[in-house]
Amino acid sequence: SAGQAGSTSPGLAHWHSAVSEVNGWLVLPMGFGGERHVTTAAWHGDKVLGAAVARELQAQCVGGQDELTRRFCAAVSNEHMAAHLDQLLPLTLLTLLPPAEERAAQVHDCGTLLEACVERVHHSGGADAIEELARYLLATATDTDADASEGEGGEARARREANPKGRLLELGGSVGPAEQVGGASHSPLFRAAASLGERRLTAEGGSKKAAEKAAAAALLASAGVHAAVLPTQRLDLARTASEAVGSRASEAASAGRPLRWSAVAFREADLAAELKDGEDGEAWFRRRPTLHRSVCAPLLFPDAVRAVDAWQARLDDGALALVRVQAARGGEGATRVFVTPAPTSRGSAARRAAGVLAHAHITALLDLQLSGSAGDEGEPQ
């Protein structure tokens, strides 16, 4: 159960009950080790929560535009939500996060996480739970929270988070100028290197700007700092993750500890959809992003997916997993590899993280097939 607020604060029983049903891997930002881009869900959750806070302010008969703005900004500020995260989230979600003292340096990720949770609760019909959350946030907000929220509205934060290169420079990192490393004259390929302290990663892109942005985003993610990434950069980040795993494997081998990948095997009896309430195979597949459902995709959608294979490995500091997805249509880009970007304490968590990435790619393949746009140039990014 979630921690309890002080006796003078409104209760959170309905909110706790609703948010405890949320799958943590669907709302966890990359800055906290998540494998999904949750910024879209967080955007919707921000609007839903904002509307609930506005209704509560009206119910409390708060007047005056300045006072309304001050209390609203204090209640929904990232700093305020981060400070109360232990009271707002159940242990099932808190156990996926770093300790509170480390989270304090990632208040934006804390806000993104809570807003994504609001979106999931709203999608499940939890309006009363969100109203309760709004009352709690208003009751516990302070003038300090209001001061922290001034000068940077939601749109300004969004612009900053969509600029990983800028954020990396703010943190004292650097991004070297991109250089062309391949490709034809009409379709060049550039590579850029980003560094922060002792960390250094490279990434590629179709332009100098794209390569530098991808390198910065990949480095921030590896350092546990969130930055938004455009869909067209997913392939670059996948390549970077693969390069990082390859580098770790080389280091282990040179130290006499070769990285040994073992296949993740499923029994034939397990390769079946567990349908509920008359749903079909596609509805079952889309309902939950798991490695098991990804591995079942070739049986469910042979016209879209040819094969899905998975492997796992163990490092000194945790487990890794790798999932290979082969599209039914051949040609360049038909095979994608998804790797756990950072070691996890348990092998199941590593498999789950890589499986979520693979599931998202397979879903994109299905969407392309359904839209009829899966031409030679129509592969998902």
Protein backbone atom coordinates (compact mmCIF):
# COMPACT_ATOMS: atom_id res chain seq x y z
CA SER A 1 0.00 0.00 0.00
CA ALA A 2 1.05 3.59 -0.51
CA GLY A 3 2.35 5.76 2.28
CA GLN A 4 -0.27 7.82 4.10
CA ALA A 5 -0.47 11.58 4.13
CA GLY A 6 -0.67 13.60 7.32
CA SER A 7 -3.91 13.68 9.31
CA THR A 8 -4.79 17.19 8.09
CA SER A 9 -4.58 16.19 4.42
CA PRO A 10 -7.50 14.75 2.44
CA GLY A 11 -7.55 10.98 2.13
CA LEU A 12 -6.31 9.12 -0.93
CA ALA A 13 -8.11 5.80 -0.57
CA HIS A 14 -9.85 5.94 -3.97
CA TRP A 15 -6.70 7.16 -5.72
CA HIS A 16 -4.55 4.48 -4.09
CA SER A 17 -7.02 1.78 -5.11
CA ALA A 18 -7.13 2.99 -8.72
CA VAL A 19 -3.41 3.62 -9.24
CA SER A 20 -2.48 0.26 -7.73
CA GLU A 21 -4.02 -1.34 -10.84
CA VAL A 22 -1.65 0.54 -13.19
CA ASN A 23 1.09 -1.49 -14.88
CA GLY A 24 4.29 0.29 -13.90
CA TRP A 25 6.07 -0.50 -17.16
CA LEU A 26 3.41 1.46 -19.07
CA VAL A 27 4.03 4.69 -17.14
CA LEU A 28 7.73 4.56 -16.20
CA PRO A 29 9.76 7.35 -17.90
CA MET A 30 13.08 6.49 -19.53
CA GLY A 31 14.83 8.52 -16.85
CA PHE A 32 13.73 5.90 -14.33
CA GLY A 33 14.68 2.95 -16.55
CA GLY A 34 11.41 2.65 -18.43
CA GLU A 35 11.27 1.26 -21.95
CA ARG A 36 8.35 3.25 -23.32
CA HIS A 37 8.05 6.86 -24.35
CA VAL A 38 5.34 7.98 -21.93
CA THR A 39 5.40 11.68 -22.75
CA THR A 40 2.18 11.47 -24.79
CA ALA A 41 0.32 9.75 -21.96
CA ALA A 42 1.76 12.28 -19.51
CA TRP A 43 0.56 15.16 -21.72
CA HIS A 44 -2.99 13.83 -21.61
CA GLY A 45 -2.70 13.12 -17.89
CA ASP A 46 -1.49 16.67 -17.28
CA LYS A 47 -4.62 18.06 -18.96
CA VAL A 48 -6.94 15.70 -17.05
CA LEU A 49 -5.31 16.52 -13.71
CA GLY A 50 -5.30 20.24 -14.49
CA ALA A 51 -9.03 20.18 -15.17
CA ALA A 52 -9.66 18.35 -11.89
CA VAL A 53 -7.60 20.90 -9.94
CA ALA A 54 -9.47 23.76 -11.65
CA ARG A 55 -12.83 22.23 -10.67
CA GLU A 56 -11.68 21.84 -7.07
CA LEU A 57 -10.53 25.47 -6.95
CA GLN A 58 -13.96 26.48 -8.17
CA ALA A 59 -15.63 24.27 -5.56
CA GLN A 60 -13.52 25.96 -2.86
CA CYS A 61 -14.67 29.38 -4.13
CA VAL A 62 -11.13 30.59 -4.68
CA GLY A 63 -11.29 33.98 -6.40
CA GLY A 64 -8.94 36.30 -8.24
CA GLN A 65 -6.89 35.32 -11.26
CA ASP A 66 -3.56 35.78 -9.48
CA GLU A 67 -4.57 33.61 -6.52
CA LEU A 68 -6.08 30.96 -8.81
CA THR A 69 -2.91 30.84 -10.87
CA ARG A 70 -0.64 30.71 -7.82
CA ARG A 71 -2.50 27.83 -6.16
CA PHE A 72 -2.97 25.93 -9.41
CA CYS A 73 0.73 26.10 -10.33
CA ALA A 74 1.78 25.10 -6.82
CA ALA A 75 -0.50 22.04 -6.83
CA VAL A 76 0.59 20.64 -10.20
CA SER A 77 4.27 21.61 -10.13
CA ASN A 78 6.77 18.83 -10.71
CA GLU A 79 8.54 19.81 -7.50
CA HIS A 80 5.38 19.35 -5.45
CA MET A 81 4.51 16.00 -7.02
CA ALA A 82 8.08 14.77 -6.58
CA ALA A 83 8.07 15.72 -2.89
CA HIS A 84 4.89 13.69 -2.28
CA LEU A 85 5.58 10.73 -4.54
CA ASP A 86 5.95 8.32 -1.61
CA GLN A 87 2.43 9.26 -0.45
CA LEU A 88 0.91 9.20 -3.93
CA LEU A 89 2.13 5.90 -5.39
CA PRO A 90 1.77 2.29 -4.23
CA LEU A 91 4.79 0.16 -3.38
CA THR A 92 4.37 -1.74 -6.65
CA LEU A 93 5.40 1.45 -8.46
CA LEU A 94 7.79 2.86 -5.86
CA THR A 95 9.92 -0.28 -5.98
CA LEU A 96 10.66 0.48 -9.65
CA LEU A 97 12.13 3.89 -8.76
CA PRO A 98 15.45 5.00 -7.29
CA PRO A 99 15.55 6.18 -3.64
CA ALA A 100 13.87 9.49 -2.78
CA GLU A 101 17.20 11.32 -2.44
CA GLU A 102 18.10 10.38 -6.01
CA ARG A 103 14.63 11.21 -7.34
CA ALA A 104 15.04 14.73 -6.00
CA ALA A 105 17.36 15.48 -8.93
CA GLN A 106 14.74 14.27 -11.43
CA VAL A 107 11.60 16.16 -10.51
CA HIS A 108 10.46 16.31 -14.13
CA ASP A 109 10.52 12.51 -14.36
CA CYS A 110 8.48 12.35 -11.14
CA GLY A 111 5.87 14.65 -12.65
CA THR A 112 5.83 12.70 -15.90
CA LEU A 113 5.31 9.45 -14.01
CA LEU A 114 2.38 10.78 -11.96
CA GLU A 115 0.74 12.40 -15.00
CA ALA A 116 1.03 9.16 -16.96
CA CYS A 117 -0.61 7.35 -14.01
CA VAL A 118 -3.45 9.89 -14.12
CA GLU A 119 -3.96 9.15 -17.82
CA ARG A 120 -4.18 5.40 -17.15
CA VAL A 121 -6.60 5.89 -14.24
CA HIS A 122 -8.70 8.27 -16.35
CA HIS A 123 -8.76 5.70 -19.17
CA SER A 124 -10.08 3.14 -16.67
CA GLY A 125 -12.92 5.41 -15.58
CA GLY A 126 -11.40 6.59 -12.31
CA ALA A 127 -12.78 10.14 -12.31
CA ASP A 128 -13.51 10.08 -8.55
CA ALA A 129 -9.94 8.94 -7.84
CA ILE A 130 -8.49 11.82 -9.87
CA GLU A 131 -10.75 14.34 -8.11
CA GLU A 132 -9.43 12.98 -4.81
CA LEU A 133 -5.85 13.37 -6.01
CA ALA A 134 -6.57 16.98 -7.04
CA ARG A 135 -7.91 17.80 -3.56
CA TYR A 136 -4.83 16.27 -1.95
CA LEU A 137 -2.41 18.19 -4.17
CA LEU A 138 -4.18 21.49 -3.46
CA ALA A 139 -4.28 20.83 0.28
CA THR A 140 -0.59 19.94 0.53
CA ALA A 141 0.86 22.58 -1.83
CA THR A 142 2.96 25.35 -0.27
CA ASP A 143 4.28 28.74 -1.30
CA THR A 144 7.62 27.04 -2.00
CA ASP A 145 5.94 24.86 -4.60
CA ALA A 146 4.41 27.95 -6.16
CA ASP A 147 7.78 29.68 -6.30
CA ALA A 148 9.38 26.61 -7.91
CA SER A 149 6.74 26.55 -10.64
CA GLU A 150 7.13 30.21 -11.63
CA GLY A 151 8.98 31.17 -14.76
CA GLU A 152 8.65 27.83 -16.54
CA GLY A 153 5.19 26.80 -17.69
CA GLY A 154 4.28 23.46 -19.20
CA GLU A 155 5.06 24.54 -22.75
CA ALA A 156 8.49 25.82 -21.76
CA ARG A 157 9.26 22.56 -19.95
CA ALA A 158 8.09 20.62 -22.98
CA ARG A 159 10.43 22.56 -25.24
CA ARG A 160 13.36 21.94 -22.88
CA GLU A 161 12.62 18.23 -22.54
CA ALA A 162 12.33 17.88 -26.32
CA ASN A 163 15.87 19.27 -26.59
CA PRO A 164 18.14 16.57 -25.12
CA LYS A 165 21.26 18.27 -26.50
CA GLY A 166 20.40 21.45 -24.62
CA ARG A 167 19.69 19.55 -21.43
CA LEU A 168 22.97 17.66 -21.68
CA LEU A 169 24.87 20.93 -22.06
CA GLU A 170 23.02 22.31 -19.01
CA LEU A 171 24.31 19.35 -17.00
CA GLY A 172 27.89 20.06 -18.04
CA GLY A 173 28.07 17.48 -20.82
CA SER A 174 29.12 17.93 -24.42
CA VAL A 175 28.14 16.80 -27.89
CA GLY A 176 30.88 16.69 -30.49
CA PRO A 177 30.19 17.84 -34.04
CA ALA A 178 28.65 15.10 -36.18
CA GLU A 179 30.70 13.62 -39.01
CA GLN A 180 29.53 11.75 -42.06
CA VAL A 181 30.36 8.05 -41.76
CA GLY A 182 28.51 6.54 -44.69
CA GLY A 183 25.51 6.62 -46.94
CA ALA A 184 25.03 7.91 -50.45
CA SER A 185 25.21 11.58 -51.36
CA HIS A 186 21.41 11.81 -51.41
CA SER A 187 21.06 9.83 -48.17
CA PRO A 188 24.08 10.45 -45.91
CA LEU A 189 24.63 8.89 -42.49
CA PHE A 190 26.17 10.99 -39.72
CA ARG A 191 27.62 9.97 -36.36
CA ALA A 192 27.99 12.13 -33.24
CA ALA A 193 29.51 11.48 -29.80
CA ALA A 194 28.10 12.75 -26.51
CA SER A 195 29.84 12.72 -23.13
CA LEU A 196 28.93 13.44 -19.52
CA GLY A 197 31.61 12.88 -16.92
CA GLU A 198 33.16 9.49 -17.72
CA ARG A 199 30.20 8.39 -19.85
CA ARG A 200 30.51 8.51 -23.61
CA LEU A 201 28.11 7.23 -26.29
CA THR A 202 27.75 7.61 -30.03
CA ALA A 203 24.64 7.63 -32.20
CA GLU A 204 23.83 7.96 -35.88
CA GLY A 205 21.27 9.92 -37.83
CA GLY A 206 20.28 11.07 -41.27
CA SER A 207 21.49 14.61 -40.56
CA LYS A 208 24.07 16.23 -38.31
CA LYS A 209 21.33 17.62 -36.07
CA ALA A 210 19.56 14.27 -35.78
CA ALA A 211 22.79 12.45 -34.91
CA GLU A 212 23.74 14.96 -32.22
CA LYS A 213 20.25 14.89 -30.72
CA ALA A 214 20.14 11.08 -30.72
CA ALA A 215 23.57 10.89 -29.05
CA ALA A 216 22.54 13.34 -26.34
CA ALA A 217 19.24 11.53 -25.70
CA ALA A 218 20.95 8.13 -25.53
CA LEU A 219 23.56 9.41 -23.06
CA LEU A 220 20.96 11.07 -20.85
CA ALA A 221 18.92 7.85 -20.80
CA SER A 222 22.01 5.80 -19.88
CA ALA A 223 22.72 8.26 -17.06
CA GLY A 224 19.18 7.98 -15.73
CA VAL A 225 18.01 11.40 -16.91
CA HIS A 226 14.80 11.76 -18.93
CA ALA A 227 14.67 13.48 -22.32
CA ALA A 228 11.97 13.26 -24.94
CA VAL A 229 12.91 11.46 -28.15
CA LEU A 230 11.17 11.81 -31.46
CA PRO A 231 9.80 8.58 -33.03
CA THR A 232 12.24 8.87 -35.93
CA GLN A 233 15.14 8.49 -33.50
CA ARG A 234 14.10 5.09 -32.13
CA LEU A 235 16.28 3.22 -34.61
CA ASP A 236 19.28 5.37 -33.66
CA LEU A 237 18.73 4.65 -29.98
CA ALA A 238 18.33 0.94 -30.66
CA ARG A 239 21.66 0.97 -32.50
CA THR A 240 23.28 2.86 -29.64
CA ALA A 241 21.93 0.36 -27.10
CA SER A 242 23.24 -2.50 -29.20
CA GLU A 243 26.65 -0.81 -29.44
CA ALA A 244 26.69 -0.34 -25.67
CA VAL A 245 25.91 -4.02 -25.08
CA GLY A 246 28.59 -4.99 -27.57
CA SER A 247 31.08 -2.77 -25.78
CA ARG A 248 30.18 -4.33 -22.42
CA ALA A 249 30.55 -7.78 -23.92
CA SER A 250 34.00 -6.92 -25.28
CA GLU A 251 35.09 -5.58 -21.90
CA ALA A 252 33.87 -8.72 -20.15
CA ALA A 253 35.60 -10.98 -22.65
CA SER A 254 38.88 -9.10 -22.32
CA ALA A 255 38.66 -9.58 -18.55
CA GLY A 256 38.18 -13.33 -18.98
CA ARG A 257 34.43 -13.16 -18.35
CA PRO A 258 32.72 -13.64 -21.72
CA LEU A 259 29.12 -12.49 -21.92
CA ARG A 260 27.11 -15.64 -22.55
CA TRP A 261 23.69 -15.25 -24.14
CA SER A 262 21.18 -18.03 -23.53
CA ALA A 263 17.94 -18.43 -25.45
CA VAL A 264 14.67 -17.59 -23.71
CA ALA A 265 12.57 -20.66 -24.48
CA PHE A 266 8.79 -20.97 -24.39
CA ARG A 267 7.00 -24.31 -24.33
CA GLU A 268 4.84 -24.99 -27.36
CA ALA A 269 1.82 -25.18 -25.07
CA ASP A 270 2.51 -21.60 -23.90
CA LEU A 271 2.51 -20.16 -27.42
CA ALA A 272 -1.23 -19.51 -27.44
CA ALA A 273 -3.47 -16.53 -26.84
CA GLU A 274 -5.49 -16.56 -23.63
CA LEU A 275 -8.63 -14.86 -24.95
CA LYS A 276 -11.13 -13.17 -22.64
CA ASP A 277 -14.73 -12.03 -23.15
CA GLY A 278 -14.89 -12.92 -26.81
CA GLU A 279 -11.82 -10.93 -27.85
CA ASP A 280 -9.83 -11.96 -30.91
CA GLY A 281 -6.10 -12.59 -31.16
CA GLU A 282 -5.26 -9.02 -32.12
CA ALA A 283 -7.20 -7.56 -29.18
CA TRP A 284 -5.44 -10.00 -26.85
CA PHE A 285 -2.04 -9.03 -28.26
CA ARG A 286 -2.65 -5.27 -27.93
CA ARG A 287 -4.14 -5.52 -24.44
CA ARG A 288 -0.81 -5.94 -22.66
CA PRO A 289 2.80 -5.43 -23.84
CA THR A 290 4.72 -8.54 -22.78
CA LEU A 291 7.51 -10.69 -24.16
CA HIS A 292 5.15 -13.69 -24.23
CA ARG A 293 2.71 -11.88 -26.52
CA SER A 294 5.55 -10.65 -28.71
CA VAL A 295 6.83 -14.22 -29.13
CA CYS A 296 3.29 -15.31 -30.08
CA ALA A 297 3.07 -12.64 -32.81
CA PRO A 298 4.38 -14.85 -35.69
CA LEU A 299 1.59 -17.35 -34.98
CA LEU A 300 -1.06 -14.66 -34.70
CA PHE A 301 0.08 -12.37 -37.53
CA PRO A 302 2.13 -14.39 -40.03
CA ASP A 303 1.55 -11.79 -42.74
CA ALA A 304 3.22 -9.12 -40.60
CA VAL A 305 5.79 -10.93 -38.42
CA ARG A 306 8.05 -13.76 -39.55
CA ALA A 307 9.88 -14.57 -36.32
CA VAL A 308 10.54 -13.30 -32.80
CA ASP A 309 13.47 -14.64 -30.76
CA ALA A 310 14.79 -13.68 -27.34
CA TRP A 311 18.04 -14.15 -25.41
CA GLN A 312 19.25 -13.18 -21.95
CA ALA A 313 22.64 -12.69 -20.31
CA ARG A 314 24.05 -11.91 -16.89
CA LEU A 315 26.62 -9.21 -16.06
CA ASP A 316 28.30 -8.52 -12.74
CA ASP A 317 25.88 -5.64 -12.13
CA GLY A 318 22.67 -7.18 -13.44
CA ALA A 319 20.80 -8.91 -16.25
CA LEU A 320 20.26 -8.00 -19.90
CA ALA A 321 17.78 -9.24 -22.48
CA LEU A 322 17.68 -9.00 -26.26
CA VAL A 323 14.68 -9.52 -28.57
CA ARG A 324 14.95 -9.87 -32.35
CA VAL A 325 11.87 -9.17 -34.48
CA GLN A 326 11.82 -10.16 -38.15
CA ALA A 327 9.08 -8.61 -40.27
CA ALA A 328 7.32 -10.76 -42.87
CA ARG A 329 8.27 -8.30 -45.60
CA GLY A 330 11.93 -8.54 -46.48
CA GLY A 331 14.38 -5.85 -47.44
CA GLU A 332 16.45 -3.37 -45.48
CA GLY A 333 15.12 -2.79 -41.99
CA ALA A 334 13.11 -6.01 -41.90
CA THR A 335 14.96 -7.12 -38.74
CA ARG A 336 15.01 -5.09 -35.54
CA VAL A 337 16.87 -5.83 -32.32
CA PHE A 338 15.71 -4.48 -28.95
CA VAL A 339 18.04 -4.55 -25.96
CA THR A 340 17.57 -3.72 -22.31
CA PRO A 341 19.43 -0.37 -22.23
CA ALA A 342 20.68 -0.84 -18.66
CA PRO A 343 21.23 -3.95 -16.52
CA THR A 344 18.37 -4.85 -14.19
CA SER A 345 18.57 -6.63 -10.85
CA ARG A 346 16.36 -9.50 -12.06
CA GLY A 347 16.29 -11.39 -15.32
CA SER A 348 12.49 -11.14 -15.44
CA ALA A 349 12.72 -7.35 -15.37
CA ALA A 350 15.26 -7.37 -18.21
CA ARG A 351 13.04 -9.66 -20.31
CA ARG A 352 10.01 -7.51 -19.56
CA ALA A 353 11.79 -4.30 -20.56
CA ALA A 354 13.05 -5.66 -23.90
CA GLY A 355 9.68 -7.31 -24.51
CA VAL A 356 7.85 -4.00 -24.16
CA LEU A 357 10.07 -2.45 -26.85
CA ALA A 358 9.54 -5.40 -29.18
CA HIS A 359 5.78 -5.30 -28.59
CA ALA A 360 5.65 -1.61 -29.55
CA HIS A 361 7.50 -2.36 -32.81
CA ILE A 362 5.19 -5.26 -33.66
CA THR A 363 2.18 -3.06 -32.94
CA ALA A 364 3.57 -0.53 -35.40
CA LEU A 365 3.95 -3.29 -38.01
CA LEU A 366 0.29 -4.25 -37.50
CA ASP A 367 -0.84 -0.64 -37.76
CA LEU A 368 1.02 -0.25 -41.03
CA GLN A 369 -0.52 -3.43 -42.38
CA LEU A 370 -4.02 -2.33 -41.38
CA SER A 371 -3.58 1.12 -42.88
CA GLY A 372 -2.39 -0.40 -46.15
CA SER A 373 0.71 1.78 -46.14
CA ALA A 374 3.30 -0.94 -45.61
CA GLY A 375 5.22 -0.29 -48.79
CA ASP A 376 8.93 -0.67 -49.29
CA GLU A 377 9.49 2.72 -47.67
CA GLY A 378 6.84 2.28 -44.96
CA GLU A 379 8.69 0.45 -42.21
CA PRO A 380 8.09 1.72 -38.69
CA GLN A 381 10.83 3.73 -37.05
